Amino acid sequence: LAIAYDEDGVTVADLGSRNGSTFRDRGDERPLRPGAPEPMSHRAVVALPGGITIERSGRSIPLDGERPGSVEPIKDDRRVTRLLVTRP
């Protein structure tokens, strides 16, 4: 999976994974097409095999091992900020 950020926002693209990636946004769910970047709006989710999901939440959480202070939503923050891992 490739995640990119530029002046147009966040995009995700499947890099040709064996099991594919699923994209969910506002009730729409579909597989990501390999090599085709998909714009990722707030609350969009990418589901990877193995129960891993990536959500564009709009929150800023430090990733350097420190405990986060406030995790209040930041207006128009375009970063991918949450990685959820669930194991069956």
N, C-alpha and C. Protein backbone atom coordinates (compact mmCIF):
# COMPACT_ATOMS: atom_id res chain seq x y z
N LEU A 1 0.85 -1.17 0.00
CA LEU A 1 0.00 0.00 0.00
C LEU A 1 0.90 1.23 0.00
N ALA A 2 0.59 2.18 -0.85
CA ALA A 2 1.30 3.46 -0.89
C ALA A 2 0.35 4.54 -0.37
N ILE A 3 0.84 5.35 0.55
CA ILE A 3 0.08 6.49 1.07
C ILE A 3 0.86 7.74 0.70
N ALA A 4 0.18 8.68 0.05
CA ALA A 4 0.85 9.92 -0.38
C ALA A 4 0.06 11.12 0.10
N TYR A 5 0.79 12.20 0.37
CA TYR A 5 0.17 13.46 0.77
C TYR A 5 0.79 14.57 -0.07
N ASP A 6 -0.06 15.40 -0.66
CA ASP A 6 0.40 16.57 -1.38
C ASP A 6 -0.62 17.68 -1.21
N GLU A 7 -0.50 18.74 -2.01
CA GLU A 7 -1.41 19.88 -1.86
C GLU A 7 -2.87 19.51 -2.15
N ASP A 8 -3.12 18.41 -2.84
CA ASP A 8 -4.48 17.98 -3.13
C ASP A 8 -5.07 17.10 -2.03
N GLY A 9 -4.26 16.64 -1.08
CA GLY A 9 -4.75 15.80 0.01
C GLY A 9 -4.04 14.47 0.09
N VAL A 10 -4.69 13.50 0.69
CA VAL A 10 -4.13 12.16 0.91
C VAL A 10 -4.68 11.21 -0.14
N THR A 11 -3.80 10.41 -0.71
CA THR A 11 -4.23 9.34 -1.62
C THR A 11 -3.62 8.03 -1.17
N VAL A 12 -4.30 6.93 -1.48
CA VAL A 12 -3.79 5.59 -1.20
C VAL A 12 -3.84 4.79 -2.50
N ALA A 13 -2.92 3.85 -2.65
CA ALA A 13 -2.91 2.99 -3.82
C ALA A 13 -2.39 1.62 -3.44
N ASP A 14 -3.04 0.61 -3.94
CA ASP A 14 -2.56 -0.76 -3.77
C ASP A 14 -1.39 -0.94 -4.74
N LEU A 15 -0.33 -1.53 -4.27
CA LEU A 15 0.86 -1.70 -5.11
C LEU A 15 0.92 -3.08 -5.77
N GLY A 16 -0.24 -3.69 -5.93
CA GLY A 16 -0.29 -4.99 -6.57
C GLY A 16 -0.18 -6.13 -5.57
N SER A 17 -0.74 -5.92 -4.38
CA SER A 17 -0.64 -6.94 -3.33
C SER A 17 -1.34 -8.22 -3.75
N ARG A 18 -0.90 -9.32 -3.20
CA ARG A 18 -1.45 -10.63 -3.54
C ARG A 18 -2.92 -10.75 -3.12
N ASN A 19 -3.27 -10.25 -1.94
CA ASN A 19 -4.63 -10.39 -1.42
C ASN A 19 -5.49 -9.14 -1.57
N GLY A 20 -4.93 -8.06 -2.06
CA GLY A 20 -5.70 -6.85 -2.30
C GLY A 20 -5.99 -6.04 -1.05
N SER A 21 -6.51 -4.85 -1.27
CA SER A 21 -6.89 -3.91 -0.21
C SER A 21 -8.32 -3.46 -0.49
N THR A 22 -9.08 -3.22 0.57
CA THR A 22 -10.47 -2.77 0.42
C THR A 22 -10.57 -1.33 0.88
N PHE A 23 -11.27 -0.50 0.12
CA PHE A 23 -11.43 0.92 0.41
C PHE A 23 -12.88 1.17 0.81
N ARG A 24 -13.08 1.81 1.96
CA ARG A 24 -14.43 2.15 2.43
C ARG A 24 -14.50 3.65 2.67
N ASP A 25 -15.52 4.27 2.07
CA ASP A 25 -15.70 5.70 2.25
C ASP A 25 -17.18 6.04 2.10
N ARG A 26 -17.76 6.58 3.17
CA ARG A 26 -19.16 7.04 3.17
C ARG A 26 -20.13 5.97 2.67
N GLY A 27 -20.00 4.76 3.19
CA GLY A 27 -20.91 3.69 2.84
C GLY A 27 -20.54 2.91 1.59
N ASP A 28 -19.60 3.40 0.82
CA ASP A 28 -19.16 2.71 -0.39
C ASP A 28 -17.97 1.83 -0.03
N GLU A 29 -17.99 0.57 -0.44
CA GLU A 29 -16.87 -0.34 -0.19
C GLU A 29 -16.50 -1.03 -1.49
N ARG A 30 -15.21 -0.98 -1.83
CA ARG A 30 -14.75 -1.59 -3.07
C ARG A 30 -13.26 -1.91 -2.97
N PRO A 31 -12.79 -2.85 -3.76
CA PRO A 31 -11.35 -3.13 -3.75
C PRO A 31 -10.58 -1.98 -4.39
N LEU A 32 -9.39 -1.72 -3.88
CA LEU A 32 -8.52 -0.74 -4.54
C LEU A 32 -7.94 -1.40 -5.78
N ARG A 33 -7.93 -0.67 -6.87
CA ARG A 33 -7.33 -1.18 -8.10
C ARG A 33 -5.81 -1.00 -8.03
N PRO A 34 -5.04 -2.03 -8.31
CA PRO A 34 -3.58 -1.92 -8.23
C PRO A 34 -3.05 -0.76 -9.06
N GLY A 35 -2.23 0.07 -8.42
CA GLY A 35 -1.59 1.19 -9.09
C GLY A 35 -2.44 2.41 -9.34
N ALA A 36 -3.72 2.39 -8.93
CA ALA A 36 -4.62 3.52 -9.17
C ALA A 36 -4.82 4.29 -7.87
N PRO A 37 -4.22 5.48 -7.72
CA PRO A 37 -4.38 6.25 -6.49
C PRO A 37 -5.84 6.62 -6.25
N GLU A 38 -6.27 6.51 -5.01
CA GLU A 38 -7.65 6.81 -4.61
C GLU A 38 -7.61 7.93 -3.58
N PRO A 39 -8.32 9.06 -3.81
CA PRO A 39 -8.36 10.13 -2.80
C PRO A 39 -8.99 9.60 -1.51
N MET A 40 -8.41 9.99 -0.38
CA MET A 40 -8.87 9.50 0.92
C MET A 40 -9.43 10.67 1.72
N SER A 41 -10.75 10.72 1.86
CA SER A 41 -11.39 11.80 2.62
C SER A 41 -11.35 11.46 4.11
N HIS A 42 -11.76 12.41 4.95
CA HIS A 42 -11.85 12.15 6.39
C HIS A 42 -12.78 10.99 6.63
N ARG A 43 -12.39 10.12 7.53
CA ARG A 43 -13.14 8.92 7.95
C ARG A 43 -13.11 7.79 6.93
N ALA A 44 -12.39 7.96 5.81
CA ALA A 44 -12.22 6.85 4.88
C ALA A 44 -11.31 5.82 5.52
N VAL A 45 -11.50 4.55 5.14
CA VAL A 45 -10.76 3.45 5.75
C VAL A 45 -10.22 2.54 4.65
N VAL A 46 -8.98 2.09 4.81
CA VAL A 46 -8.41 1.07 3.95
C VAL A 46 -8.21 -0.16 4.81
N ALA A 47 -8.78 -1.28 4.37
CA ALA A 47 -8.65 -2.55 5.10
C ALA A 47 -7.66 -3.44 4.35
N LEU A 48 -6.66 -3.90 5.07
CA LEU A 48 -5.64 -4.79 4.52
C LEU A 48 -5.88 -6.20 5.04
N PRO A 49 -5.36 -7.21 4.37
CA PRO A 49 -5.49 -8.57 4.90
C PRO A 49 -4.87 -8.67 6.29
N GLY A 50 -5.35 -9.61 7.07
CA GLY A 50 -4.81 -9.81 8.41
C GLY A 50 -5.45 -8.92 9.46
N GLY A 51 -6.54 -8.23 9.11
CA GLY A 51 -7.23 -7.41 10.10
C GLY A 51 -6.63 -6.05 10.35
N ILE A 52 -5.76 -5.56 9.50
CA ILE A 52 -5.15 -4.23 9.65
C ILE A 52 -5.99 -3.22 8.90
N THR A 53 -6.36 -2.11 9.57
CA THR A 53 -7.09 -1.04 8.91
C THR A 53 -6.36 0.29 9.14
N ILE A 54 -6.46 1.16 8.15
CA ILE A 54 -5.88 2.50 8.22
C ILE A 54 -7.02 3.47 7.97
N GLU A 55 -7.20 4.41 8.91
CA GLU A 55 -8.28 5.39 8.80
C GLU A 55 -7.69 6.78 8.79
N ARG A 56 -8.22 7.63 7.93
CA ARG A 56 -7.84 9.05 7.95
C ARG A 56 -8.79 9.73 8.92
N SER A 57 -8.29 9.99 10.12
CA SER A 57 -9.17 10.44 11.19
C SER A 57 -9.15 11.94 11.42
N GLY A 58 -8.09 12.62 11.06
CA GLY A 58 -8.00 14.05 11.33
C GLY A 58 -7.45 14.37 12.69
N ARG A 59 -7.01 13.35 13.44
CA ARG A 59 -6.40 13.59 14.75
C ARG A 59 -4.89 13.51 14.63
N SER A 60 -4.21 14.21 15.49
CA SER A 60 -2.76 14.19 15.51
C SER A 60 -2.28 13.45 16.74
N ILE A 61 -1.61 12.33 16.54
CA ILE A 61 -1.12 11.51 17.64
C ILE A 61 0.36 11.26 17.40
N PRO A 62 1.22 11.56 18.38
CA PRO A 62 2.65 11.33 18.18
C PRO A 62 2.94 9.85 17.95
N LEU A 63 3.88 9.57 17.07
CA LEU A 63 4.22 8.20 16.76
C LEU A 63 5.60 7.81 17.27
N ASP A 64 6.18 8.62 18.12
CA ASP A 64 7.55 8.36 18.59
C ASP A 64 7.61 7.64 19.93
N GLY A 65 6.51 7.04 20.37
CA GLY A 65 6.51 6.31 21.62
C GLY A 65 6.07 7.12 22.82
N GLU A 66 5.94 8.42 22.68
CA GLU A 66 5.48 9.25 23.78
C GLU A 66 3.97 9.14 23.91
N ARG A 67 3.49 9.34 25.12
CA ARG A 67 2.04 9.34 25.34
C ARG A 67 1.46 10.60 24.72
N PRO A 68 0.35 10.47 23.98
CA PRO A 68 -0.26 11.66 23.38
C PRO A 68 -0.87 12.55 24.44
N GLY A 69 -0.81 13.84 24.20
CA GLY A 69 -1.50 14.79 25.07
C GLY A 69 -2.96 14.81 24.67
N SER A 70 -3.37 15.84 23.99
CA SER A 70 -4.75 15.95 23.51
C SER A 70 -4.87 15.21 22.18
N VAL A 71 -5.95 14.50 22.00
CA VAL A 71 -6.22 13.84 20.73
C VAL A 71 -7.52 14.39 20.13
N GLU A 72 -7.79 15.63 20.41
CA GLU A 72 -8.98 16.28 19.87
C GLU A 72 -8.82 16.42 18.36
N PRO A 73 -9.91 16.33 17.60
CA PRO A 73 -9.83 16.51 16.15
C PRO A 73 -9.25 17.87 15.80
N ILE A 74 -8.42 17.88 14.78
CA ILE A 74 -7.82 19.11 14.28
C ILE A 74 -8.51 19.44 12.97
N LYS A 75 -9.02 20.63 12.86
CA LYS A 75 -9.77 21.01 11.68
C LYS A 75 -8.89 20.94 10.43
N ASP A 76 -9.39 20.22 9.42
CA ASP A 76 -8.76 20.10 8.10
C ASP A 76 -7.32 19.58 8.17
N ASP A 77 -7.06 18.67 9.08
CA ASP A 77 -5.76 18.01 9.13
C ASP A 77 -5.81 16.84 8.15
N ARG A 78 -4.93 16.80 7.18
CA ARG A 78 -5.02 15.81 6.11
C ARG A 78 -4.10 14.61 6.31
N ARG A 79 -3.53 14.47 7.50
CA ARG A 79 -2.62 13.35 7.72
C ARG A 79 -3.37 12.06 8.05
N VAL A 80 -2.79 10.95 7.66
CA VAL A 80 -3.29 9.65 8.10
C VAL A 80 -2.74 9.48 9.51
N THR A 81 -3.62 9.29 10.49
CA THR A 81 -3.15 9.37 11.87
C THR A 81 -3.50 8.18 12.73
N ARG A 82 -4.16 7.17 12.21
CA ARG A 82 -4.49 6.06 13.08
C ARG A 82 -4.30 4.75 12.33
N LEU A 83 -3.62 3.82 12.97
CA LEU A 83 -3.43 2.49 12.43
C LEU A 83 -4.00 1.51 13.44
N LEU A 84 -5.03 0.78 13.02
CA LEU A 84 -5.67 -0.18 13.90
C LEU A 84 -5.28 -1.58 13.46
N VAL A 85 -4.86 -2.40 14.40
CA VAL A 85 -4.51 -3.78 14.08
C VAL A 85 -5.39 -4.67 14.93
N THR A 86 -6.14 -5.52 14.29
CA THR A 86 -6.97 -6.48 15.01
C THR A 86 -6.62 -7.86 14.50
N ARG A 87 -6.47 -8.78 15.38
CA ARG A 87 -6.15 -10.15 15.01
C ARG A 87 -7.36 -11.03 15.32
N PRO A 88 -7.75 -11.90 14.38
CA PRO A 88 -8.90 -12.76 14.63
C PRO A 88 -8.64 -13.77 15.76
